Amino acid sequence: MRGISIGYVKNIKMNLNTILVLVHIKSSNIFVPKNAIIETSQTGLLNDSVIDIIPLEKILVENVKSVNVFSKTCLDSKFLCNLSHAYGERGLNYDDLVRAATRISQRFDDPRFFNLCYMFLQNSIEISEDIVNITYLFHYALRNFLLNLI
C-alpha cells in the first residue's frame, strides 16, 4: 500500500470469470480503507504480480484509534476488517504494453499514414502562407486608414 509491502498472497482461487485472492496482512495496525482502488499489476521483467492498494481519501489518525479490525464493530468503519472482501481490477501489465507498442509500430509502418502526414504538413504550410498574406494586407489597410485620419 502506497509503495510499501504490507503482506503477501496466501491463496488464489480461480473461477470462470473471477479470481479470489486471500491476502495476509502482516500487522493488525495496518488499515486498508474501503474507499480504495485495488489493482493487480505486473512488475519487473519476470512478471512478478503485486496487488496495488491506492487509498482515495486521506486517513486521519483520529479515525484509526478506535478501530479494531478483528471486532464486529469494525464492519461500520471505513476500513476493511478481518475476513472481509473488496473488489479489484486488473492493472498494468507488460503484455498490454508490448501489444500497444506493436500496434503503434505497425501504424507508423503504413504508407497511408505517411501520405496523410505529408498532406497535413503541406496544407499547414499553404495555410500559414495565406495567413501571412492576410495579415500583411490587414496591416497595410489599417495603416492607410489611420494615416488618412491624421
N, C-alpha and C. Protein backbone atom coordinates (compact mmCIF):
# COMPACT_ATOMS: atom_id res chain seq x y z
N MET A 1 0.85 -1.16 0.00
CA MET A 1 0.00 0.00 0.00
C MET A 1 0.90 1.23 0.00
N ARG A 2 0.62 2.16 -0.91
CA ARG A 2 1.44 3.36 -1.06
C ARG A 2 2.91 3.02 -1.30
N GLY A 3 3.14 1.93 -2.01
CA GLY A 3 4.51 1.56 -2.36
C GLY A 3 5.24 0.72 -1.34
N ILE A 4 4.57 0.33 -0.28
CA ILE A 4 5.22 -0.45 0.77
C ILE A 4 4.56 -1.82 0.85
N SER A 5 5.36 -2.86 1.00
CA SER A 5 4.84 -4.22 1.14
C SER A 5 4.18 -4.37 2.51
N ILE A 6 2.88 -4.71 2.51
CA ILE A 6 2.16 -4.85 3.78
C ILE A 6 1.70 -6.27 4.03
N GLY A 7 1.97 -7.17 3.12
CA GLY A 7 1.53 -8.55 3.30
C GLY A 7 1.93 -9.40 2.11
N TYR A 8 1.23 -10.53 2.00
CA TYR A 8 1.53 -11.45 0.90
C TYR A 8 0.28 -12.21 0.53
N VAL A 9 0.30 -12.80 -0.66
CA VAL A 9 -0.83 -13.60 -1.15
C VAL A 9 -0.72 -14.98 -0.54
N LYS A 10 -1.79 -15.38 0.16
CA LYS A 10 -1.79 -16.67 0.86
C LYS A 10 -2.40 -17.77 0.00
N ASN A 11 -3.44 -17.41 -0.78
CA ASN A 11 -4.14 -18.42 -1.57
C ASN A 11 -4.82 -17.74 -2.75
N ILE A 12 -4.93 -18.45 -3.86
CA ILE A 12 -5.62 -17.95 -5.04
C ILE A 12 -6.62 -19.01 -5.49
N LYS A 13 -7.85 -18.56 -5.74
CA LYS A 13 -8.90 -19.46 -6.22
C LYS A 13 -9.48 -18.85 -7.49
N MET A 14 -9.43 -19.61 -8.57
CA MET A 14 -9.92 -19.10 -9.85
C MET A 14 -11.25 -19.73 -10.21
N ASN A 15 -12.18 -18.90 -10.67
CA ASN A 15 -13.46 -19.34 -11.22
C ASN A 15 -13.49 -18.96 -12.69
N LEU A 16 -14.62 -19.18 -13.33
CA LEU A 16 -14.74 -18.91 -14.75
C LEU A 16 -14.47 -17.43 -15.08
N ASN A 17 -15.09 -16.50 -14.33
CA ASN A 17 -14.96 -15.08 -14.63
C ASN A 17 -14.30 -14.26 -13.52
N THR A 18 -13.88 -14.90 -12.45
CA THR A 18 -13.31 -14.16 -11.33
C THR A 18 -12.09 -14.88 -10.77
N ILE A 19 -11.34 -14.13 -10.01
CA ILE A 19 -10.22 -14.69 -9.26
C ILE A 19 -10.36 -14.19 -7.83
N LEU A 20 -10.35 -15.09 -6.89
CA LEU A 20 -10.44 -14.74 -5.47
C LEU A 20 -9.06 -14.93 -4.86
N VAL A 21 -8.57 -13.86 -4.25
CA VAL A 21 -7.22 -13.88 -3.69
C VAL A 21 -7.33 -13.67 -2.18
N LEU A 22 -6.75 -14.56 -1.41
CA LEU A 22 -6.67 -14.42 0.04
C LEU A 22 -5.33 -13.78 0.36
N VAL A 23 -5.41 -12.61 1.00
CA VAL A 23 -4.21 -11.84 1.30
C VAL A 23 -4.00 -11.82 2.81
N HIS A 24 -2.77 -12.05 3.22
CA HIS A 24 -2.41 -11.96 4.63
C HIS A 24 -1.69 -10.63 4.84
N ILE A 25 -2.26 -9.79 5.71
CA ILE A 25 -1.63 -8.51 6.04
C ILE A 25 -0.81 -8.72 7.29
N LYS A 26 0.43 -8.27 7.27
CA LYS A 26 1.42 -8.60 8.30
C LYS A 26 1.10 -8.09 9.69
N SER A 27 0.32 -7.03 9.82
CA SER A 27 0.09 -6.43 11.13
C SER A 27 -1.36 -6.00 11.26
N SER A 28 -1.88 -6.06 12.49
CA SER A 28 -3.24 -5.58 12.73
C SER A 28 -3.27 -4.06 12.84
N ASN A 29 -2.12 -3.42 12.78
CA ASN A 29 -2.04 -1.96 12.81
C ASN A 29 -2.01 -1.35 11.41
N ILE A 30 -2.18 -2.16 10.39
CA ILE A 30 -2.25 -1.66 9.02
C ILE A 30 -3.73 -1.63 8.64
N PHE A 31 -4.21 -0.46 8.28
CA PHE A 31 -5.62 -0.27 7.97
C PHE A 31 -5.78 -0.01 6.48
N VAL A 32 -6.56 -0.87 5.84
CA VAL A 32 -6.83 -0.73 4.41
C VAL A 32 -8.20 -0.08 4.27
N PRO A 33 -8.27 1.12 3.69
CA PRO A 33 -9.57 1.79 3.56
C PRO A 33 -10.48 1.07 2.57
N LYS A 34 -11.78 1.11 2.86
CA LYS A 34 -12.74 0.53 1.92
C LYS A 34 -12.79 1.34 0.64
N ASN A 35 -12.60 2.65 0.76
CA ASN A 35 -12.60 3.53 -0.40
C ASN A 35 -11.19 3.60 -0.98
N ALA A 36 -10.85 2.58 -1.74
CA ALA A 36 -9.51 2.49 -2.33
C ALA A 36 -9.61 1.80 -3.68
N ILE A 37 -8.63 2.09 -4.52
CA ILE A 37 -8.52 1.38 -5.80
C ILE A 37 -7.61 0.18 -5.55
N ILE A 38 -8.10 -0.98 -5.92
CA ILE A 38 -7.33 -2.21 -5.74
C ILE A 38 -7.11 -2.82 -7.11
N GLU A 39 -5.83 -2.97 -7.48
CA GLU A 39 -5.48 -3.47 -8.80
C GLU A 39 -4.36 -4.51 -8.68
N THR A 40 -4.40 -5.45 -9.60
CA THR A 40 -3.25 -6.36 -9.73
C THR A 40 -2.39 -5.83 -10.85
N SER A 41 -1.10 -5.78 -10.64
CA SER A 41 -0.16 -5.26 -11.64
C SER A 41 1.03 -6.19 -11.73
N GLN A 42 1.74 -6.07 -12.84
CA GLN A 42 2.96 -6.85 -13.03
C GLN A 42 4.15 -5.91 -12.89
N THR A 43 5.17 -6.39 -12.21
CA THR A 43 6.38 -5.60 -12.06
C THR A 43 7.57 -6.44 -12.46
N GLY A 44 8.61 -5.79 -12.88
CA GLY A 44 9.85 -6.49 -13.21
C GLY A 44 9.75 -7.25 -14.51
N LEU A 45 10.89 -7.75 -14.95
CA LEU A 45 10.93 -8.50 -16.21
C LEU A 45 10.43 -9.93 -16.06
N LEU A 46 10.34 -10.41 -14.83
CA LEU A 46 9.88 -11.78 -14.60
C LEU A 46 8.38 -11.84 -14.33
N ASN A 47 7.68 -10.72 -14.56
CA ASN A 47 6.23 -10.64 -14.39
C ASN A 47 5.78 -10.98 -12.98
N ASP A 48 6.49 -10.48 -11.98
CA ASP A 48 6.03 -10.64 -10.61
C ASP A 48 4.74 -9.87 -10.44
N SER A 49 3.74 -10.50 -9.83
CA SER A 49 2.45 -9.84 -9.65
C SER A 49 2.37 -9.23 -8.27
N VAL A 50 1.79 -8.04 -8.22
CA VAL A 50 1.57 -7.36 -6.95
C VAL A 50 0.13 -6.85 -6.92
N ILE A 51 -0.37 -6.63 -5.72
CA ILE A 51 -1.68 -6.04 -5.55
C ILE A 51 -1.45 -4.61 -5.06
N ASP A 52 -1.88 -3.66 -5.87
CA ASP A 52 -1.75 -2.25 -5.51
C ASP A 52 -3.02 -1.79 -4.81
N ILE A 53 -2.85 -1.18 -3.64
CA ILE A 53 -3.97 -0.60 -2.90
C ILE A 53 -3.71 0.89 -2.82
N ILE A 54 -4.58 1.66 -3.47
CA ILE A 54 -4.39 3.11 -3.54
C ILE A 54 -5.57 3.78 -2.82
N PRO A 55 -5.36 4.28 -1.59
CA PRO A 55 -6.45 4.95 -0.87
C PRO A 55 -6.90 6.20 -1.61
N LEU A 56 -8.21 6.43 -1.64
CA LEU A 56 -8.76 7.60 -2.33
C LEU A 56 -9.04 8.76 -1.38
N GLU A 57 -8.92 8.52 -0.09
CA GLU A 57 -9.13 9.56 0.89
C GLU A 57 -7.94 9.60 1.83
N LYS A 58 -7.75 10.75 2.42
CA LYS A 58 -6.69 10.89 3.42
C LYS A 58 -7.16 10.22 4.72
N ILE A 59 -6.32 9.43 5.33
CA ILE A 59 -6.66 8.72 6.56
C ILE A 59 -6.20 9.57 7.75
N LEU A 60 -7.13 9.89 8.62
CA LEU A 60 -6.82 10.67 9.81
C LEU A 60 -6.55 9.75 11.00
N VAL A 61 -5.63 10.14 11.84
CA VAL A 61 -5.26 9.33 13.00
C VAL A 61 -6.46 9.13 13.91
N GLU A 62 -7.32 10.13 14.04
CA GLU A 62 -8.50 10.02 14.92
C GLU A 62 -9.44 8.90 14.46
N ASN A 63 -9.52 8.68 13.14
CA ASN A 63 -10.40 7.63 12.61
C ASN A 63 -9.86 6.24 12.88
N VAL A 64 -8.57 6.11 13.09
CA VAL A 64 -7.94 4.80 13.24
C VAL A 64 -7.88 4.34 14.69
N LYS A 65 -7.83 5.28 15.63
CA LYS A 65 -7.62 4.93 17.04
C LYS A 65 -8.66 3.96 17.59
N SER A 66 -9.91 4.12 17.20
CA SER A 66 -10.97 3.30 17.78
C SER A 66 -11.30 2.05 16.97
N VAL A 67 -10.55 1.77 15.92
CA VAL A 67 -10.86 0.64 15.04
C VAL A 67 -10.07 -0.59 15.45
N ASN A 68 -10.78 -1.69 15.61
CA ASN A 68 -10.16 -3.00 15.83
C ASN A 68 -10.62 -3.87 14.67
N VAL A 69 -9.70 -4.25 13.79
CA VAL A 69 -10.09 -4.99 12.58
C VAL A 69 -10.64 -6.38 12.88
N PHE A 70 -10.50 -6.87 14.12
CA PHE A 70 -11.00 -8.19 14.47
C PHE A 70 -12.35 -8.15 15.18
N SER A 71 -12.90 -6.97 15.47
CA SER A 71 -14.18 -6.88 16.18
C SER A 71 -15.33 -6.72 15.20
N LYS A 72 -16.57 -6.95 15.70
CA LYS A 72 -17.76 -6.82 14.87
C LYS A 72 -18.08 -5.35 14.57
N THR A 73 -17.64 -4.45 15.45
CA THR A 73 -17.88 -3.02 15.21
C THR A 73 -17.06 -2.48 14.05
N CYS A 74 -16.08 -3.22 13.63
CA CYS A 74 -15.24 -2.80 12.50
C CYS A 74 -16.04 -2.71 11.20
N LEU A 75 -17.11 -3.49 11.10
CA LEU A 75 -17.91 -3.50 9.87
C LEU A 75 -18.50 -2.13 9.55
N ASP A 76 -18.72 -1.30 10.58
CA ASP A 76 -19.27 0.04 10.37
C ASP A 76 -18.19 1.09 10.10
N SER A 77 -16.94 0.70 10.15
CA SER A 77 -15.85 1.66 9.96
C SER A 77 -15.57 1.84 8.47
N LYS A 78 -14.61 2.71 8.18
CA LYS A 78 -14.21 2.99 6.80
C LYS A 78 -13.09 2.07 6.33
N PHE A 79 -12.79 1.02 7.12
CA PHE A 79 -11.65 0.16 6.82
C PHE A 79 -12.10 -1.28 6.60
N LEU A 80 -11.29 -2.02 5.84
CA LEU A 80 -11.56 -3.44 5.65
C LEU A 80 -11.25 -4.18 6.94
N CYS A 81 -12.14 -5.11 7.30
CA CYS A 81 -11.99 -5.86 8.55
C CYS A 81 -11.44 -7.26 8.25
N ASN A 82 -11.13 -7.97 9.31
CA ASN A 82 -10.65 -9.34 9.18
C ASN A 82 -11.70 -10.17 8.44
N LEU A 83 -11.27 -10.93 7.46
CA LEU A 83 -12.09 -11.82 6.64
C LEU A 83 -13.13 -11.09 5.78
N SER A 84 -12.97 -9.79 5.59
CA SER A 84 -13.88 -9.08 4.67
C SER A 84 -13.26 -9.09 3.27
N HIS A 85 -14.02 -8.62 2.31
CA HIS A 85 -13.53 -8.67 0.93
C HIS A 85 -13.68 -7.31 0.26
N ALA A 86 -12.94 -7.14 -0.82
CA ALA A 86 -13.01 -5.93 -1.64
C ALA A 86 -12.85 -6.35 -3.09
N TYR A 87 -13.44 -5.59 -3.97
CA TYR A 87 -13.34 -5.87 -5.39
C TYR A 87 -12.18 -5.10 -5.99
N GLY A 88 -11.49 -5.73 -6.90
CA GLY A 88 -10.36 -5.09 -7.56
C GLY A 88 -10.46 -5.24 -9.06
N GLU A 89 -9.55 -4.63 -9.73
CA GLU A 89 -9.49 -4.65 -11.19
C GLU A 89 -8.10 -5.09 -11.63
N ARG A 90 -8.00 -5.42 -12.87
CA ARG A 90 -6.70 -5.75 -13.46
C ARG A 90 -5.99 -4.44 -13.76
N GLY A 91 -4.77 -4.33 -13.30
CA GLY A 91 -3.98 -3.12 -13.51
C GLY A 91 -3.06 -3.25 -14.71
N LEU A 92 -1.93 -2.62 -14.63
CA LEU A 92 -0.96 -2.62 -15.72
C LEU A 92 -0.23 -3.94 -15.82
N ASN A 93 0.08 -4.32 -17.05
CA ASN A 93 0.96 -5.47 -17.24
C ASN A 93 1.76 -5.29 -18.52
N TYR A 94 2.85 -6.01 -18.63
CA TYR A 94 3.76 -5.85 -19.75
C TYR A 94 3.18 -6.39 -21.06
N ASP A 95 2.29 -7.36 -20.99
CA ASP A 95 1.68 -7.88 -22.22
C ASP A 95 0.91 -6.78 -22.94
N ASP A 96 0.15 -5.99 -22.19
CA ASP A 96 -0.59 -4.88 -22.80
C ASP A 96 0.36 -3.84 -23.38
N LEU A 97 1.45 -3.57 -22.69
CA LEU A 97 2.44 -2.61 -23.18
C LEU A 97 3.06 -3.09 -24.49
N VAL A 98 3.40 -4.36 -24.57
CA VAL A 98 4.00 -4.91 -25.79
C VAL A 98 3.00 -4.86 -26.94
N ARG A 99 1.72 -5.22 -26.67
CA ARG A 99 0.69 -5.15 -27.70
C ARG A 99 0.51 -3.73 -28.22
N ALA A 100 0.45 -2.77 -27.29
CA ALA A 100 0.26 -1.37 -27.70
C ALA A 100 1.45 -0.88 -28.52
N ALA A 101 2.66 -1.21 -28.11
CA ALA A 101 3.85 -0.80 -28.87
C ALA A 101 3.86 -1.44 -30.26
N THR A 102 3.42 -2.68 -30.36
CA THR A 102 3.35 -3.35 -31.66
C THR A 102 2.35 -2.66 -32.57
N ARG A 103 1.15 -2.31 -32.01
CA ARG A 103 0.13 -1.62 -32.82
C ARG A 103 0.64 -0.27 -33.31
N ILE A 104 1.33 0.47 -32.44
CA ILE A 104 1.85 1.78 -32.83
C ILE A 104 2.90 1.63 -33.93
N SER A 105 3.80 0.67 -33.78
CA SER A 105 4.85 0.48 -34.80
C SER A 105 4.24 0.04 -36.12
N GLN A 106 3.17 -0.75 -36.10
CA GLN A 106 2.51 -1.16 -37.33
C GLN A 106 1.85 0.03 -38.02
N ARG A 107 1.29 0.93 -37.25
CA ARG A 107 0.65 2.11 -37.85
C ARG A 107 1.69 3.04 -38.47
N PHE A 108 2.86 3.17 -37.83
CA PHE A 108 3.91 4.01 -38.40
C PHE A 108 4.51 3.38 -39.65
N ASP A 109 4.37 2.08 -39.79
CA ASP A 109 4.90 1.38 -40.95
C ASP A 109 3.97 1.48 -42.15
N ASP A 110 2.77 1.99 -41.95
CA ASP A 110 1.76 2.07 -43.00
C ASP A 110 2.04 3.27 -43.91
N PRO A 111 2.19 3.06 -45.23
CA PRO A 111 2.46 4.18 -46.14
C PRO A 111 1.33 5.21 -46.17
N ARG A 112 0.11 4.77 -45.92
CA ARG A 112 -1.02 5.71 -45.90
C ARG A 112 -0.85 6.73 -44.79
N PHE A 113 -0.27 6.31 -43.67
CA PHE A 113 -0.03 7.23 -42.56
C PHE A 113 0.94 8.33 -42.97
N PHE A 114 2.02 7.96 -43.66
CA PHE A 114 3.00 8.96 -44.09
C PHE A 114 2.41 9.89 -45.14
N ASN A 115 1.57 9.36 -46.04
CA ASN A 115 0.92 10.23 -47.03
C ASN A 115 -0.01 11.23 -46.34
N LEU A 116 -0.71 10.77 -45.32
CA LEU A 116 -1.60 11.66 -44.57
C LEU A 116 -0.80 12.74 -43.85
N CYS A 117 0.32 12.37 -43.24
CA CYS A 117 1.19 13.35 -42.57
C CYS A 117 1.75 14.35 -43.57
N TYR A 118 2.16 13.87 -44.75
CA TYR A 118 2.69 14.75 -45.76
C TYR A 118 1.62 15.75 -46.21
N MET A 119 0.39 15.28 -46.45
CA MET A 119 -0.70 16.17 -46.84
C MET A 119 -0.99 17.20 -45.75
N PHE A 120 -0.98 16.77 -44.50
CA PHE A 120 -1.22 17.68 -43.39
C PHE A 120 -0.16 18.78 -43.34
N LEU A 121 1.10 18.39 -43.46
CA LEU A 121 2.18 19.38 -43.45
C LEU A 121 2.10 20.33 -44.63
N GLN A 122 1.80 19.79 -45.80
CA GLN A 122 1.69 20.63 -47.00
C GLN A 122 0.56 21.64 -46.85
N ASN A 123 -0.60 21.18 -46.35
CA ASN A 123 -1.73 22.09 -46.14
C ASN A 123 -1.42 23.12 -45.07
N SER A 124 -0.69 22.72 -44.03
CA SER A 124 -0.32 23.66 -42.97
C SER A 124 0.58 24.76 -43.51
N ILE A 125 1.51 24.40 -44.39
CA ILE A 125 2.41 25.40 -44.99
C ILE A 125 1.61 26.37 -45.85
N GLU A 126 0.69 25.83 -46.65
CA GLU A 126 -0.13 26.69 -47.52
C GLU A 126 -1.01 27.63 -46.70
N ILE A 127 -1.60 27.10 -45.62
CA ILE A 127 -2.45 27.93 -44.77
C ILE A 127 -1.62 29.00 -44.08
N SER A 128 -0.44 28.67 -43.63
CA SER A 128 0.40 29.67 -42.95
C SER A 128 0.82 30.77 -43.91
N GLU A 129 1.08 30.43 -45.18
CA GLU A 129 1.41 31.46 -46.18
C GLU A 129 0.21 32.39 -46.40
N ASP A 130 -1.00 31.80 -46.46
CA ASP A 130 -2.21 32.62 -46.63
C ASP A 130 -2.43 33.53 -45.44
N ILE A 131 -2.17 33.03 -44.26
CA ILE A 131 -2.35 33.85 -43.05
C ILE A 131 -1.36 35.01 -43.04
N VAL A 132 -0.14 34.76 -43.47
CA VAL A 132 0.85 35.83 -43.54
C VAL A 132 0.40 36.89 -44.54
N ASN A 133 -0.11 36.47 -45.70
CA ASN A 133 -0.58 37.43 -46.71
C ASN A 133 -1.77 38.24 -46.19
N ILE A 134 -2.71 37.57 -45.53
CA ILE A 134 -3.88 38.27 -44.99
C ILE A 134 -3.45 39.25 -43.91
N THR A 135 -2.53 38.86 -43.07
CA THR A 135 -2.04 39.74 -42.01
C THR A 135 -1.35 40.96 -42.61
N TYR A 136 -0.58 40.75 -43.66
CA TYR A 136 0.10 41.87 -44.32
C TYR A 136 -0.93 42.83 -44.92
N LEU A 137 -1.94 42.29 -45.62
CA LEU A 137 -2.98 43.14 -46.21
C LEU A 137 -3.75 43.91 -45.14
N PHE A 138 -4.06 43.24 -44.04
CA PHE A 138 -4.78 43.91 -42.95
C PHE A 138 -3.93 45.04 -42.37
N HIS A 139 -2.65 44.78 -42.17
CA HIS A 139 -1.73 45.79 -41.65
C HIS A 139 -1.64 46.97 -42.61
N TYR A 140 -1.55 46.69 -43.89
CA TYR A 140 -1.45 47.76 -44.90
C TYR A 140 -2.73 48.59 -44.93
N ALA A 141 -3.89 47.94 -44.90
CA ALA A 141 -5.17 48.66 -44.92
C ALA A 141 -5.36 49.48 -43.65
N LEU A 142 -5.00 48.94 -42.50
CA LEU A 142 -5.14 49.67 -41.23
C LEU A 142 -4.20 50.87 -41.19
N ARG A 143 -2.99 50.69 -41.70
CA ARG A 143 -2.03 51.79 -41.73
C ARG A 143 -2.53 52.93 -42.62
N ASN A 144 -3.05 52.59 -43.80
CA ASN A 144 -3.59 53.62 -44.70
C ASN A 144 -4.79 54.32 -44.07
N PHE A 145 -5.64 53.57 -43.43
CA PHE A 145 -6.83 54.15 -42.79
C PHE A 145 -6.41 55.15 -41.71
N LEU A 146 -5.47 54.75 -40.87
CA LEU A 146 -5.01 55.63 -39.79
C LEU A 146 -4.27 56.85 -40.32
N LEU A 147 -3.52 56.71 -41.39
CA LEU A 147 -2.83 57.84 -41.99
C LEU A 147 -3.82 58.83 -42.60
N ASN A 148 -4.92 58.36 -43.16
CA ASN A 148 -5.94 59.23 -43.72
C ASN A 148 -6.70 59.99 -42.64
N LEU A 149 -6.75 59.46 -41.42
CA LEU A 149 -7.41 60.15 -40.33
C LEU A 149 -6.60 61.33 -39.82
N ILE A 150 -5.30 61.28 -40.02
CA ILE A 150 -4.43 62.35 -39.49
C ILE A 150 -4.44 63.55 -40.35
